[in-house]
C-alpha atoms as a PDB file:
ATOM      1  CA  MET A   1     -77.640  -3.139  44.634  1.00  0.00           C
ATOM      2  CA  LYS A   2     -74.101  -1.039  45.390  1.00  0.00           C
ATOM      3  CA  ASN A   3     -72.357  -4.362  45.800  1.00  0.00           C
ATOM      4  CA  VAL A   4     -72.798  -5.431  42.380  1.00  0.00           C
ATOM      5  CA  LEU A   5     -71.958  -1.817  41.001  1.00  0.00           C
ATOM      6  CA  SER A   6     -68.854  -2.317  42.635  1.00  0.00           C
ATOM      7  CA  ILE A   7     -68.179  -5.524  41.749  1.00  0.00           C
ATOM      8  CA  VAL A   8     -68.784  -4.822  38.433  1.00  0.00           C
ATOM      9  CA  LEU A   9     -66.816  -1.462  38.169  1.00  0.00           C
ATOM     10  CA  PHE A  10     -63.647  -3.178  39.857  1.00  0.00           C
ATOM     11  CA  LEU A  11     -64.302  -6.216  36.789  1.00  0.00           C
ATOM     12  CA  VAL A  12     -63.669  -3.283  34.310  1.00  0.00           C
ATOM     13  CA  GLY A  13     -61.393  -1.668  35.810  1.00  0.00           C
ATOM     14  CA  GLY A  14     -59.573  -4.791  36.063  1.00  0.00           C
ATOM     15  CA  ILE A  15     -60.131  -5.724  32.659  1.00  0.00           C
ATOM     16  CA  VAL A  16     -59.014  -1.865  31.251  1.00  0.00           C
ATOM     17  CA  THR A  17     -55.798  -2.261  33.277  1.00  0.00           C
ATOM     18  CA  ALA A  18     -54.876  -5.667  32.047  1.00  0.00           C
ATOM     19  CA  ILE A  19     -55.474  -4.345  28.321  1.00  0.00           C
ATOM     20  CA  TYR A  20     -52.942  -1.441  29.075  1.00  0.00           C
ATOM     21  CA  ILE A  21     -50.501  -3.967  31.006  1.00  0.00           C
ATOM     22  CA  GLY A  22     -50.710  -6.778  28.319  1.00  0.00           C
ATOM     23  CA  PHE A  23     -51.077  -4.900  25.451  1.00  0.00           C
ATOM     24  CA  GLY A  24     -49.936  -1.325  25.545  1.00  0.00           C
ATOM     25  CA  LEU A  25     -46.701  -1.465  26.734  1.00  0.00           C
ATOM     26  CA  PRO A  26     -45.249  -4.192  23.346  1.00  0.00           C
ATOM     27  CA  VAL A  27     -46.576  -0.940  21.532  1.00  0.00           C
ATOM     28  CA  ASN A  28     -44.719   1.640  23.499  1.00  0.00           C
ATOM     29  CA  SER A  29     -41.660  -0.528  23.440  1.00  0.00           C
ATOM     30  CA  ASP A  30     -41.579  -1.203  19.316  1.00  0.00           C
ATOM     31  CA  THR A  31     -41.831   2.778  19.376  1.00  0.00           C
ATOM     32  CA  THR A  32     -38.975   3.384  21.603  1.00  0.00           C
ATOM     33  CA  ALA A  33     -37.175   0.825  18.964  1.00  0.00           C
ATOM     34  CA  VAL A  34     -38.053   2.285  15.990  1.00  0.00           C
ATOM     35  CA  ASP A  35     -36.861   5.783  17.453  1.00  0.00           C
ATOM     36  CA  GLU A  36     -33.498   4.131  18.066  1.00  0.00           C
ATOM     37  CA  GLU A  37     -32.609   3.372  14.556  1.00  0.00           C
ATOM     38  CA  LEU A  38     -33.602   6.373  13.222  1.00  0.00           C
ATOM     39  CA  VAL A  39     -31.580   8.549  15.415  1.00  0.00           C
ATOM     40  CA  GLY A  40     -29.563  10.540  13.145  1.00  0.00           C
ATOM     41  CA  LEU A  41     -31.302   9.868   9.830  1.00  0.00           C
ATOM     42  CA  GLN A  42     -33.352  13.579  10.717  1.00  0.00           C
ATOM     43  CA  GLU A  43     -29.909  15.265  10.753  1.00  0.00           C
ATOM     44  CA  LYS A  44     -28.238  16.626   7.176  1.00  0.00           C
ATOM     45  CA  TYR A  45     -24.128  16.442   7.049  1.00  0.00           C
ATOM     46  CA  THR A  46     -21.416  17.764   5.486  1.00  0.00           C
ATOM     47  CA  LEU A  47     -18.583  16.226   4.352  1.00  0.00           C
ATOM     48  CA  ARG A  48     -15.039  18.635   3.852  1.00  0.00           C
ATOM     49  CA  PHE A  49     -13.350  16.964   1.439  1.00  0.00           C
ATOM     50  CA  SER A  50      -9.891  18.912   0.370  1.00  0.00           C
ATOM     51  CA  HIS A  51      -7.640  17.951  -2.073  1.00  0.00           C
ATOM     52  CA  VAL A  52      -4.708  19.954  -3.836  1.00  0.00           C
ATOM     53  CA  VAL A  53      -4.634  19.869  -7.474  1.00  0.00           C
ATOM     54  CA  ALA A  54      -6.722  21.263 -10.249  1.00  0.00           C
ATOM     55  CA  GLN A  55     -10.080  20.469 -11.046  1.00  0.00           C
ATOM     56  CA  ASN A  56     -10.004  19.391 -14.729  1.00  0.00           C
ATOM     57  CA  THR A  57      -7.510  16.502 -13.453  1.00  0.00           C
ATOM     58  CA  PRO A  58      -8.036  12.849 -12.508  1.00  0.00           C
ATOM     59  CA  LYS A  59      -8.416  13.367  -8.719  1.00  0.00           C
ATOM     60  CA  GLY A  60     -10.600  17.075  -9.444  1.00  0.00           C
ATOM     61  CA  LEU A  61     -12.980  15.278 -11.576  1.00  0.00           C
ATOM     62  CA  ALA A  62     -13.366  12.042  -9.414  1.00  0.00           C
ATOM     63  CA  ALA A  63     -13.868  14.426  -5.841  1.00  0.00           C
ATOM     64  CA  GLN A  64     -16.895  16.369  -7.794  1.00  0.00           C
ATOM     65  CA  TYR A  65     -18.461  13.672  -9.343  1.00  0.00           C
ATOM     66  CA  PHE A  66     -17.955  11.639  -5.800  1.00  0.00           C
ATOM     67  CA  ALA A  67     -20.102  14.639  -4.208  1.00  0.00           C
ATOM     68  CA  GLU A  68     -22.579  14.837  -6.616  1.00  0.00           C
ATOM     69  CA  LEU A  69     -23.282  10.983  -6.173  1.00  0.00           C
ATOM     70  CA  VAL A  70     -23.406  11.221  -2.717  1.00  0.00           C
ATOM     71  CA  LYS A  71     -26.183  13.985  -2.724  1.00  0.00           C
ATOM     72  CA  GLU A  72     -27.988  11.775  -4.830  1.00  0.00           C
ATOM     73  CA  LYS A  73     -27.820   8.266  -3.063  1.00  0.00           C
ATOM     74  CA  THR A  74     -28.355  10.447   0.222  1.00  0.00           C
ATOM     75  CA  ASP A  75     -31.384  12.098  -0.927  1.00  0.00           C
ATOM     76  CA  GLY A  76     -29.462  15.558   0.022  1.00  0.00           C
ATOM     77  CA  TRP A  77     -28.690  14.245   4.143  1.00  0.00           C
ATOM     78  CA  VAL A  78     -25.013  14.148   2.533  1.00  0.00           C
ATOM     79  CA  GLU A  79     -23.616  17.155   1.376  1.00  0.00           C
ATOM     80  CA  VAL A  80     -19.608  16.978   0.244  1.00  0.00           C
ATOM     81  CA  GLN A  81     -17.676  20.009   0.047  1.00  0.00           C
ATOM     82  CA  VAL A  82     -14.934  19.991  -2.198  1.00  0.00           C
ATOM     83  CA  PHE A  83     -11.854  22.382  -1.967  1.00  0.00           C
ATOM     84  CA  PRO A  84      -9.379  21.976  -4.771  1.00  0.00           C
ATOM     85  CA  ASN A  85      -6.381  23.256  -5.540  1.00  0.00           C
ATOM     86  CA  GLY A  86      -5.085  23.490  -2.117  1.00  0.00           C
ATOM     87  CA  VAL A  87      -7.512  26.303  -1.283  1.00  0.00           C
ATOM     88  CA  LEU A  88      -7.760  24.875   2.069  1.00  0.00           C
ATOM     89  CA  TYR A  89      -4.454  23.344   2.981  1.00  0.00           C
ATOM     90  CA  SER A  90      -1.362  22.273   1.339  1.00  0.00           C
ATOM     91  CA  ALA A  91      -0.683  18.579   0.884  1.00  0.00           C
ATOM     92  CA  GLN A  92       1.189  17.474   4.110  1.00  0.00           C
ATOM     93  CA  GLU A  93      -1.325  20.289   6.644  1.00  0.00           C
ATOM     94  CA  GLU A  94      -4.022  18.198   5.137  1.00  0.00           C
ATOM     95  CA  PHE A  95      -3.354  15.585   7.242  1.00  0.00           C
ATOM     96  CA  GLU A  96      -3.165  17.614  10.332  1.00  0.00           C
ATOM     97  CA  ALA A  97      -6.311  19.213   9.597  1.00  0.00           C
ATOM     98  CA  LEU A  98      -8.166  15.633   9.666  1.00  0.00           C
ATOM     99  CA  ARG A  99      -6.388  14.798  12.923  1.00  0.00           C
ATOM    100  CA  ASN A 100      -8.162  17.900  13.687  1.00  0.00           C
ATOM    101  CA  HIS A 101     -11.411  17.001  12.647  1.00  0.00           C
ATOM    102  CA  GLU A 102     -11.393  20.382   9.954  1.00  0.00           C
ATOM    103  CA  VAL A 103     -11.687  18.332   6.903  1.00  0.00           C
ATOM    104  CA  HIS A 104     -13.212  15.029   6.666  1.00  0.00           C
ATOM    105  CA  LEU A 105     -11.721  13.156   3.645  1.00  0.00           C
ATOM    106  CA  ILE A 106      -8.440  13.802   2.119  1.00  0.00           C
ATOM    107  CA  ALA A 107      -6.734  12.294  -1.019  1.00  0.00           C
ATOM    108  CA  PRO A 108      -2.720  12.213  -0.744  1.00  0.00           C
ATOM    109  CA  ALA A 109      -0.489  10.992  -3.221  1.00  0.00           C
ATOM    110  CA  PHE A 110       1.183   7.800  -1.982  1.00  0.00           C
ATOM    111  CA  SER A 111       4.406   9.767  -1.906  1.00  0.00           C
ATOM    112  CA  GLU A 112       3.178  11.863   0.602  1.00  0.00           C
ATOM    113  CA  VAL A 113       1.732   9.513   2.981  1.00  0.00           C
ATOM    114  CA  THR A 114       5.190   7.944   3.240  1.00  0.00           C
ATOM    115  CA  LEU A 115       6.181  11.020   6.000  1.00  0.00           C
ATOM    116  CA  HIS A 116       3.026   9.086   8.184  1.00  0.00           C
ATOM    117  CA  ASP A 117       4.400   5.925   6.906  1.00  0.00           C
ATOM    118  CA  GLN A 118       7.452   4.581   5.887  1.00  0.00           C
ATOM    119  CA  LYS A 119       5.846   1.230   4.476  1.00  0.00           C
ATOM    120  CA  TRP A 120       4.177   3.245   1.879  1.00  0.00           C
ATOM    121  CA  LEU A 121       7.625   4.386   0.472  1.00  0.00           C
ATOM    122  CA  ALA A 122       7.516   1.214  -1.481  1.00  0.00           C
ATOM    123  CA  TRP A 123       5.291   2.794  -3.758  1.00  0.00           C
ATOM    124  CA  ASP A 124       8.273   5.311  -4.895  1.00  0.00           C
ATOM    125  CA  LEU A 125      10.813   2.422  -5.714  1.00  0.00           C
ATOM    126  CA  PRO A 126      11.250   3.420  -9.613  1.00  0.00           C
ATOM    127  CA  PHE A 127       9.779   0.687 -11.690  1.00  0.00           C
ATOM    128  CA  LEU A 128       7.792  -0.634  -9.695  1.00  0.00           C
ATOM    129  CA  PHE A 129       4.924  -1.684 -11.882  1.00  0.00           C
ATOM    130  CA  ASP A 130       5.246  -1.830 -15.939  1.00  0.00           C
ATOM    131  CA  ASN A 131       1.807  -1.204 -16.689  1.00  0.00           C
ATOM    132  CA  GLU A 132      -1.845  -0.362 -14.989  1.00  0.00           C
ATOM    133  CA  VAL A 133      -2.917  -3.512 -14.777  1.00  0.00           C
ATOM    134  CA  MET A 134      -0.423  -4.306 -12.236  1.00  0.00           C
ATOM    135  CA  VAL A 135      -1.356  -1.241 -10.504  1.00  0.00           C
ATOM    136  CA  GLU A 136      -4.970  -2.378 -10.507  1.00  0.00           C
ATOM    137  CA  GLN A 137      -3.795  -5.783  -9.189  1.00  0.00           C
ATOM    138  CA  ALA A 138      -1.686  -4.087  -6.393  1.00  0.00           C
ATOM    139  CA  PHE A 139      -4.875  -2.029  -5.130  1.00  0.00           C
ATOM    140  CA  GLN A 140      -7.310  -4.575  -5.381  1.00  0.00           C
ATOM    141  CA  GLY A 141      -4.976  -7.628  -3.939  1.00  0.00           C
ATOM    142  CA  ARG A 142      -2.913  -8.346  -0.632  1.00  0.00           C
ATOM    143  CA  VAL A 143      -0.557  -5.330  -1.462  1.00  0.00           C
ATOM    144  CA  GLY A 144      -3.572  -2.785  -1.180  1.00  0.00           C
ATOM    145  CA  GLU A 145      -4.651  -4.181   2.137  1.00  0.00           C
ATOM    146  CA  LEU A 146      -1.253  -4.605   3.747  1.00  0.00           C
ATOM    147  CA  PHE A 147      -0.875  -0.680   3.007  1.00  0.00           C
ATOM    148  CA  LEU A 148      -4.816   0.303   4.336  1.00  0.00           C
ATOM    149  CA  GLU A 149      -3.842  -1.822   7.439  1.00  0.00           C
ATOM    150  CA  SER A 150      -0.384  -0.237   7.941  1.00  0.00           C
ATOM    151  CA  ILE A 151      -1.982   3.564   7.459  1.00  0.00           C
ATOM    152  CA  GLU A 152      -4.526   2.231  10.089  1.00  0.00           C
ATOM    153  CA  GLU A 153      -1.933   1.757  12.664  1.00  0.00           C
ATOM    154  CA  LYS A 154      -1.443   5.552  12.486  1.00  0.00           C
ATOM    155  CA  GLY A 155      -4.921   6.941  13.165  1.00  0.00           C
ATOM    156  CA  PHE A 156      -6.203   7.222   9.481  1.00  0.00           C
ATOM    157  CA  GLN A 157      -8.716   5.273   7.942  1.00  0.00           C
ATOM    158  CA  GLY A 158      -8.250   4.521   3.944  1.00  0.00           C
ATOM    159  CA  ILE A 159     -11.425   3.493   2.030  1.00  0.00           C
ATOM    160  CA  ALA A 160     -10.210   3.570  -1.665  1.00  0.00           C
ATOM    161  CA  PHE A 161      -7.261   3.916  -3.703  1.00  0.00           C
ATOM    162  CA  TRP A 162      -7.697   6.300  -6.933  1.00  0.00           C
ATOM    163  CA  ASP A 163      -5.379   6.537 -10.014  1.00  0.00           C
ATOM    164  CA  ASN A 164      -4.020   8.923 -12.252  1.00  0.00           C
ATOM    165  CA  GLY A 165      -0.870   7.919 -13.140  1.00  0.00           C
ATOM    166  CA  PHE A 166       2.205   6.963 -14.138  1.00  0.00           C
ATOM    167  CA  LYS A 167       5.138  10.169 -13.837  1.00  0.00           C
ATOM    168  CA  GLN A 168       7.269  11.142 -16.551  1.00  0.00           C
ATOM    169  CA  LEU A 169      10.555  13.584 -16.115  1.00  0.00           C
ATOM    170  CA  THR A 170      10.782  17.354 -17.589  1.00  0.00           C
ATOM    171  CA  ASN A 171      13.899  19.326 -16.860  1.00  0.00           C
ATOM    172  CA  ASN A 172      14.379  22.555 -18.801  1.00  0.00           C
ATOM    173  CA  GLU A 173      18.580  21.545 -19.496  1.00  0.00           C
ATOM    174  CA  ARG A 174      18.594  18.673 -22.036  1.00  0.00           C
ATOM    175  CA  PRO A 175      17.110  15.329 -23.365  1.00  0.00           C
ATOM    176  CA  VAL A 176      17.451  12.662 -20.547  1.00  0.00           C
ATOM    177  CA  VAL A 177      17.351   9.139 -21.841  1.00  0.00           C
ATOM    178  CA  TYR A 178      20.063   6.908 -20.506  1.00  0.00           C
ATOM    179  CA  PRO A 179      20.909   7.732 -16.518  1.00  0.00           C
ATOM    180  CA  GLU A 180      23.798   9.452 -16.413  1.00  0.00           C
ATOM    181  CA  ASP A 181      21.997  11.977 -18.474  1.00  0.00           C
ATOM    182  CA  ILE A 182      20.285  13.263 -15.409  1.00  0.00           C
ATOM    183  CA  GLU A 183      23.504  13.462 -13.579  1.00  0.00           C
ATOM    184  CA  GLY A 184      24.167  17.084 -12.193  1.00  0.00           C
ATOM    185  CA  LEU A 185      20.684  18.442 -12.327  1.00  0.00           C
ATOM    186  CA  ARG A 186      18.764  19.650  -9.776  1.00  0.00           C
ATOM    187  CA  PHE A 187      14.546  18.410  -9.611  1.00  0.00           C
ATOM    188  CA  ARG A 188      11.430  18.860  -7.821  1.00  0.00           C
ATOM    189  CA  VAL A 189       9.969  15.892  -5.837  1.00  0.00           C
ATOM    190  CA  MET A 190       7.805  14.846  -3.438  1.00  0.00           C
ATOM    191  CA  PRO A 191       8.810  14.752   0.537  1.00  0.00           C
ATOM    192  CA  SER A 192       9.859  10.870  -0.179  1.00  0.00           C
ATOM    193  CA  GLN A 193      13.021   9.833   1.193  1.00  0.00           C
ATOM    194  CA  ALA A 194      12.800   7.149  -1.656  1.00  0.00           C
ATOM    195  CA  LEU A 195      12.519  10.068  -4.131  1.00  0.00           C
ATOM    196  CA  PHE A 196      15.286  11.615  -2.619  1.00  0.00           C
ATOM    197  CA  ARG A 197      17.353   8.524  -2.846  1.00  0.00           C
ATOM    198  CA  THR A 198      16.412   7.613  -6.177  1.00  0.00           C
ATOM    199  CA  TYR A 199      17.816  10.725  -7.285  1.00  0.00           C
ATOM    200  CA  ARG A 200      21.157  10.753  -5.081  1.00  0.00           C
ATOM    201  CA  MET A 201      22.201   7.452  -6.867  1.00  0.00           C
ATOM    202  CA  LEU A 202      21.342   9.334 -10.177  1.00  0.00           C
ATOM    203  CA  GLY A 203      23.977  11.737  -9.179  1.00  0.00           C
ATOM    204  CA  ALA A 204      21.097  14.575  -9.672  1.00  0.00           C
ATOM    205  CA  THR A 205      19.074  16.598  -6.724  1.00  0.00           C
ATOM    206  CA  GLY A 206      15.782  15.965  -5.296  1.00  0.00           C
ATOM    207  CA  VAL A 207      14.395  19.223  -3.465  1.00  0.00           C
ATOM    208  CA  THR A 208      10.830  19.550  -2.353  1.00  0.00           C
ATOM    209  CA  TYR A 209       8.377  22.231  -3.209  1.00  0.00           C
ATOM    210  CA  PRO A 210       4.842  22.349  -2.456  1.00  0.00           C
ATOM    211  CA  PHE A 211       2.678  21.631  -5.261  1.00  0.00           C
ATOM    212  CA  ASN A 212       0.819  24.378  -5.841  1.00  0.00           C
ATOM    213  CA  GLU A 213       4.687  26.457  -5.865  1.00  0.00           C
ATOM    214  CA  VAL A 214       6.053  23.928  -8.622  1.00  0.00           C
ATOM    215  CA  TYR A 215       5.039  26.653 -11.223  1.00  0.00           C
ATOM    216  CA  ASN A 216       6.901  29.483 -10.259  1.00  0.00           C
ATOM    217  CA  VAL A 217       9.833  27.382  -8.928  1.00  0.00           C
ATOM    218  CA  LEU A 218      10.329  26.160 -12.198  1.00  0.00           C
ATOM    219  CA  GLN A 219       9.833  29.666 -13.570  1.00  0.00           C
ATOM    220  CA  ASP A 220      12.295  31.266 -11.192  1.00  0.00           C
ATOM    221  CA  GLY A 221      15.039  28.785 -11.966  1.00  0.00           C
ATOM    222  CA  LEU A 222      15.295  27.220  -8.757  1.00  0.00           C
ATOM    223  CA  VAL A 223      15.264  23.822  -9.932  1.00  0.00           C
ATOM    224  CA  ASP A 224      15.914  22.537 -13.471  1.00  0.00           C
ATOM    225  CA  GLY A 225      13.081  20.002 -13.247  1.00  0.00           C
ATOM    226  CA  GLN A 226      10.130  18.106 -12.031  1.00  0.00           C
ATOM    227  CA  GLU A 227       8.247  14.613 -11.948  1.00  0.00           C
ATOM    228  CA  ASN A 228       4.728  13.907 -12.773  1.00  0.00           C
ATOM    229  CA  THR A 229       1.689  13.059 -14.179  1.00  0.00           C
ATOM    230  CA  ILE A 230       0.688  14.390 -17.679  1.00  0.00           C
ATOM    231  CA  SER A 231      -2.300  15.593 -16.316  1.00  0.00           C
ATOM    232  CA  ASN A 232      -0.433  18.143 -13.766  1.00  0.00           C
ATOM    233  CA  ILE A 233       1.809  19.049 -16.503  1.00  0.00           C
ATOM    234  CA  TRP A 234      -1.101  20.047 -18.420  1.00  0.00           C
ATOM    235  CA  SER A 235      -3.441  21.512 -15.916  1.00  0.00           C
ATOM    236  CA  LYS A 236      -0.372  23.442 -14.344  1.00  0.00           C
ATOM    237  CA  GLY A 237       1.376  24.224 -16.900  1.00  0.00           C
ATOM    238  CA  PHE A 238       4.520  23.187 -16.303  1.00  0.00           C
ATOM    239  CA  TYR A 239       5.089  21.945 -19.646  1.00  0.00           C
ATOM    240  CA  LYS A 240       5.470  25.812 -20.372  1.00  0.00           C
ATOM    241  CA  GLN A 241       8.745  26.355 -18.466  1.00  0.00           C
ATOM    242  CA  GLN A 242      10.402  22.856 -19.527  1.00  0.00           C
ATOM    243  CA  LYS A 243      11.917  22.240 -22.850  1.00  0.00           C
ATOM    244  CA  TYR A 244      12.027  18.231 -22.396  1.00  0.00           C
ATOM    245  CA  MET A 245      10.174  15.777 -21.441  1.00  0.00           C
ATOM    246  CA  THR A 246      10.773  12.030 -20.930  1.00  0.00           C
ATOM    247  CA  ILE A 247       7.824   9.565 -21.242  1.00  0.00           C
ATOM    248  CA  SER A 248       9.390   7.440 -18.617  1.00  0.00           C
ATOM    249  CA  ASN A 249       6.859   5.876 -16.691  1.00  0.00           C
ATOM    250  CA  HIS A 250       9.077   5.368 -13.765  1.00  0.00           C
ATOM    251  CA  ASN A 251       6.666   5.968 -10.640  1.00  0.00           C
ATOM    252  CA  TYR A 252       3.002   5.197 -10.804  1.00  0.00           C
ATOM    253  CA  LEU A 253       0.916   8.330  -8.876  1.00  0.00           C
ATOM    254  CA  GLY A 254      -1.881   7.583  -7.192  1.00  0.00           C
ATOM    255  CA  TYR A 255      -3.893   8.417  -3.939  1.00  0.00           C
ATOM    256  CA  VAL A 256      -5.412   6.724  -0.860  1.00  0.00           C
ATOM    257  CA  ILE A 257      -8.714   8.485   0.229  1.00  0.00           C
ATOM    258  CA  LEU A 258      -8.678   8.852   3.781  1.00  0.00           C
ATOM    259  CA  VAL A 259     -11.424  10.003   6.492  1.00  0.00           C
ATOM    260  CA  ASP A 260     -11.451  10.618   9.916  1.00  0.00           C
ATOM    261  CA  PRO A 261     -12.054   7.656  11.418  1.00  0.00           C
ATOM    262  CA  MET A 262     -14.402   9.285  14.736  1.00  0.00           C
ATOM    263  CA  PHE A 263     -16.565  11.342  12.303  1.00  0.00           C
ATOM    264  CA  TRP A 264     -16.735   8.618   9.717  1.00  0.00           C
ATOM    265  CA  ARG A 265     -18.303   5.937  12.642  1.00  0.00           C
ATOM    266  CA  SER A 266     -20.336   8.805  13.953  1.00  0.00           C
ATOM    267  CA  ILE A 267     -22.412   8.742  10.458  1.00  0.00           C
ATOM    268  CA  PRO A 268     -25.527   6.331  10.271  1.00  0.00           C
ATOM    269  CA  ASP A 269     -24.957   3.199   8.797  1.00  0.00           C
ATOM    270  CA  VAL A 270     -27.644   3.754   5.871  1.00  0.00           C
ATOM    271  CA  HIS A 271     -25.529   7.004   5.186  1.00  0.00           C
ATOM    272  CA  ARG A 272     -22.172   5.635   5.521  1.00  0.00           C
ATOM    273  CA  ASP A 273     -22.990   3.031   3.119  1.00  0.00           C
ATOM    274  CA  SER A 274     -24.341   5.140   0.437  1.00  0.00           C
ATOM    275  CA  ILE A 275     -21.367   7.477   0.692  1.00  0.00           C
ATOM    276  CA  GLN A 276     -18.941   3.941   0.466  1.00  0.00           C
ATOM    277  CA  GLU A 277     -21.250   2.923  -2.516  1.00  0.00           C
ATOM    278  CA  ALA A 278     -20.547   5.868  -3.929  1.00  0.00           C
ATOM    279  CA  MET A 279     -17.197   5.974  -3.503  1.00  0.00           C
ATOM    280  CA  GLU A 280     -16.779   2.671  -5.162  1.00  0.00           C
ATOM    281  CA  GLU A 281     -18.556   3.704  -8.294  1.00  0.00           C
ATOM    282  CA  VAL A 282     -16.258   6.874  -8.796  1.00  0.00           C
ATOM    283  CA  THR A 283     -13.370   4.649  -7.981  1.00  0.00           C
ATOM    284  CA  LEU A 284     -14.615   2.319 -10.976  1.00  0.00           C
ATOM    285  CA  TRP A 285     -15.112   5.532 -13.406  1.00  0.00           C
ATOM    286  CA  LEU A 286     -11.685   6.777 -12.447  1.00  0.00           C
ATOM    287  CA  ARG A 287     -10.081   3.738 -13.209  1.00  0.00           C
ATOM    288  CA  ALA A 288     -11.647   3.368 -16.728  1.00  0.00           C
ATOM    289  CA  HIS A 289     -11.426   6.966 -17.178  1.00  0.00           C
ATOM    290  CA  ALA A 290      -7.595   8.157 -15.732  1.00  0.00           C
ATOM    291  CA  LYS A 291      -5.413   6.844 -18.504  1.00  0.00           C
ATOM    292  CA  GLU A 292      -7.902   8.697 -21.017  1.00  0.00           C
ATOM    293  CA  LEU A 293      -7.311  11.973 -19.322  1.00  0.00           C
ATOM    294  CA  ASN A 294      -3.770  11.667 -19.812  1.00  0.00           C
ATOM    295  CA  GLU A 295      -3.815  10.549 -22.747  1.00  0.00           C
ATOM    296  CA  GLU A 296      -6.069  13.455 -24.284  1.00  0.00           C
ATOM    297  CA  MET A 297      -4.111  16.279 -22.065  1.00  0.00           C
ATOM    298  CA  PHE A 298      -0.345  14.596 -23.929  1.00  0.00           C
ATOM    299  CA  ASN A 299      -2.029  15.246 -27.490  1.00  0.00           C
ATOM    300  CA  ARG A 300      -2.440  18.753 -26.184  1.00  0.00           C
ATOM    301  CA  ILE A 301       1.351  19.263 -24.693  1.00  0.00           C
ATOM    302  CA  VAL A 302       2.171  17.722 -28.101  1.00  0.00           C
ATOM    303  CA  ALA A 303       0.196  20.448 -29.979  1.00  0.00           C
ATOM    304  CA  THR A 304       1.739  23.218 -28.602  1.00  0.00           C
ATOM    305  CA  GLY A 305       4.693  22.140 -29.797  1.00  0.00           C
ATOM    306  CA  MET A 306       6.763  23.150 -26.442  1.00  0.00           C
ATOM    307  CA  THR A 307       8.278  20.945 -25.904  1.00  0.00           C
ATOM    308  CA  GLU A 308      10.652  18.284 -26.964  1.00  0.00           C
ATOM    309  CA  ILE A 309       9.224  14.468 -26.143  1.00  0.00           C
ATOM    310  CA  TYR A 310      11.187  11.592 -25.880  1.00  0.00           C
ATOM    311  CA  GLU A 311       9.641   8.050 -25.288  1.00  0.00           C
ATOM    312  CA  LEU A 312      12.092   5.715 -23.603  1.00  0.00           C
ATOM    313  CA  SER A 313      12.250   1.909 -25.471  1.00  0.00           C
ATOM    314  CA  GLU A 314      12.311  -1.050 -23.583  1.00  0.00           C
ATOM    315  CA  GLU A 315      15.786  -1.280 -23.353  1.00  0.00           C
ATOM    316  CA  GLU A 316      16.169   2.373 -22.194  1.00  0.00           C
ATOM    317  CA  LYS A 317      14.035   1.354 -19.064  1.00  0.00           C
ATOM    318  CA  LEU A 318      16.041  -1.556 -18.595  1.00  0.00           C
ATOM    319  CA  GLU A 319      19.325   0.496 -18.464  1.00  0.00           C
ATOM    320  CA  TRP A 320      17.901   2.369 -15.528  1.00  0.00           C
ATOM    321  CA  ARG A 321      16.473  -0.632 -13.937  1.00  0.00           C
ATOM    322  CA  LYS A 322      19.792  -2.178 -13.640  1.00  0.00           C
ATOM    323  CA  THR A 323      21.272   1.235 -12.540  1.00  0.00           C
ATOM    324  CA  LEU A 324      18.216   1.572  -9.232  1.00  0.00           C
ATOM    325  CA  LYS A 325      18.188  -1.849  -8.768  1.00  0.00           C
ATOM    326  CA  PRO A 326      20.673  -1.358  -5.257  1.00  0.00           C
ATOM    327  CA  LEU A 327      17.125   0.485  -3.905  1.00  0.00           C
ATOM    328  CA  TYR A 328      14.969  -2.506  -3.873  1.00  0.00           C
ATOM    329  CA  ASP A 329      17.605  -4.170  -1.230  1.00  0.00           C
ATOM    330  CA  GLU A 330      17.943  -0.962   0.595  1.00  0.00           C
ATOM    331  CA  TYR A 331      14.335  -0.055   1.293  1.00  0.00           C
ATOM    332  CA  GLU A 332      12.991  -4.053   2.060  1.00  0.00           C
ATOM    333  CA  GLY A 333      13.770  -3.645   5.510  1.00  0.00           C
ATOM    334  CA  ILE A 334      12.016  -0.767   5.901  1.00  0.00           C
ATOM    335  CA  VAL A 335       8.901  -1.370   4.357  1.00  0.00           C
ATOM    336  CA  GLY A 336       9.101  -4.847   5.472  1.00  0.00           C
ATOM    337  CA  GLU A 337       9.691  -8.274   3.465  1.00  0.00           C
ATOM    338  CA  GLU A 338       5.694  -9.575   3.677  1.00  0.00           C
ATOM    339  CA  LEU A 339       5.010  -6.269   1.543  1.00  0.00           C
ATOM    340  CA  MET A 340       7.776  -6.689  -0.806  1.00  0.00           C
ATOM    341  CA  GLU A 341       7.133 -10.331  -1.330  1.00  0.00           C
ATOM    342  CA  GLU A 342       3.366  -9.539  -2.224  1.00  0.00           C
ATOM    343  CA  ILE A 343       4.855  -6.550  -4.892  1.00  0.00           C
ATOM    344  CA  ARG A 344       7.107  -9.186  -6.459  1.00  0.00           C
ATOM    345  CA  LYS A 345       3.949 -11.801  -6.976  1.00  0.00           C
ATOM    346  CA  LEU A 346       2.937  -9.059  -9.363  1.00  0.00           C
ATOM    347  CA  GLN A 347       6.133  -7.719 -11.309  1.00  0.00           C
ATOM    348  CA  ILE A 348       7.046  -9.201 -14.618  1.00  0.00           C
ATOM    349  CA  ASP A 349      10.756  -9.491 -13.823  1.00  0.00           C
ATOM    350  CA  PRO A 350      11.461  -9.213 -10.000  1.00  0.00           C
ATOM    351  CA  GLU A 351      15.075  -9.304 -10.390  1.00  0.00           C
ATOM    352  CA  LEU A 352      15.419  -6.285 -12.579  1.00  0.00           C
END
């Protein structure tokens, strides 16, 4: 009897062991796989987004909208903290802060990027594009790809181009209609060698001051004028210190959204995809509204009656183009033949 009982117990034990080995381990293996997929999803992420302009400008509004969309699309698991008006860092300090992982997104103007990547000097060549359609084609086509590939080699990852608008000239001395009208004047410009060279070629002087110091610099008479988009001229009150404005559309002021590559890769794919989706939505929204915002602020400046405004005709712009054309030959060797060739494909008349 004991022998029979021993056999039965042996068989039962074997069956239980077989079930455990044959069926239990796959269940545990699946659980491990699911856990790996969930790594990081139970952790909240905070992105610090620094920029230097006012909240009521195209970039300021887009940054806030982006923060709202990210929160919505990630169900609150990712928070974007926006720091406008240079409250954390100046335009150039932002690059170092991004390298040091002190912020995670910045939105520098193209001219600011030139100190880190000379190919971006192409954006500061005068009268590069005639209208917003050409700018959009550059952003979305091979030109945009070449710019992003180049800045990635410098340790920054670009994830979007943001619009603002064309720059206009303001000054406190006299109306500016022809290239010779600018001779002898001193202008605040962003820190781009192409901008400095442009003003020297016109017999004027370009000097750099941080964006948030420009109003005081104008007020104190340290410069005669400045160049900027209508939205920045309005939001920062530059028009209050400038008697004359020329609607010249001589350069386009846009922004590139740069991220901290290491932090960007550390975010779980599902969250990163949501952030990228939010960025794409905001980029399209801004593209549709930036021109409208600049037009609205232009009308506000006109309504103040404080600034005499002149808009260049196409014939007058042609005079500026002819005068400044040598800059293109000068800078092609710096920005690269391939990039300049792609830009020429977008221009209406690349010879002027």
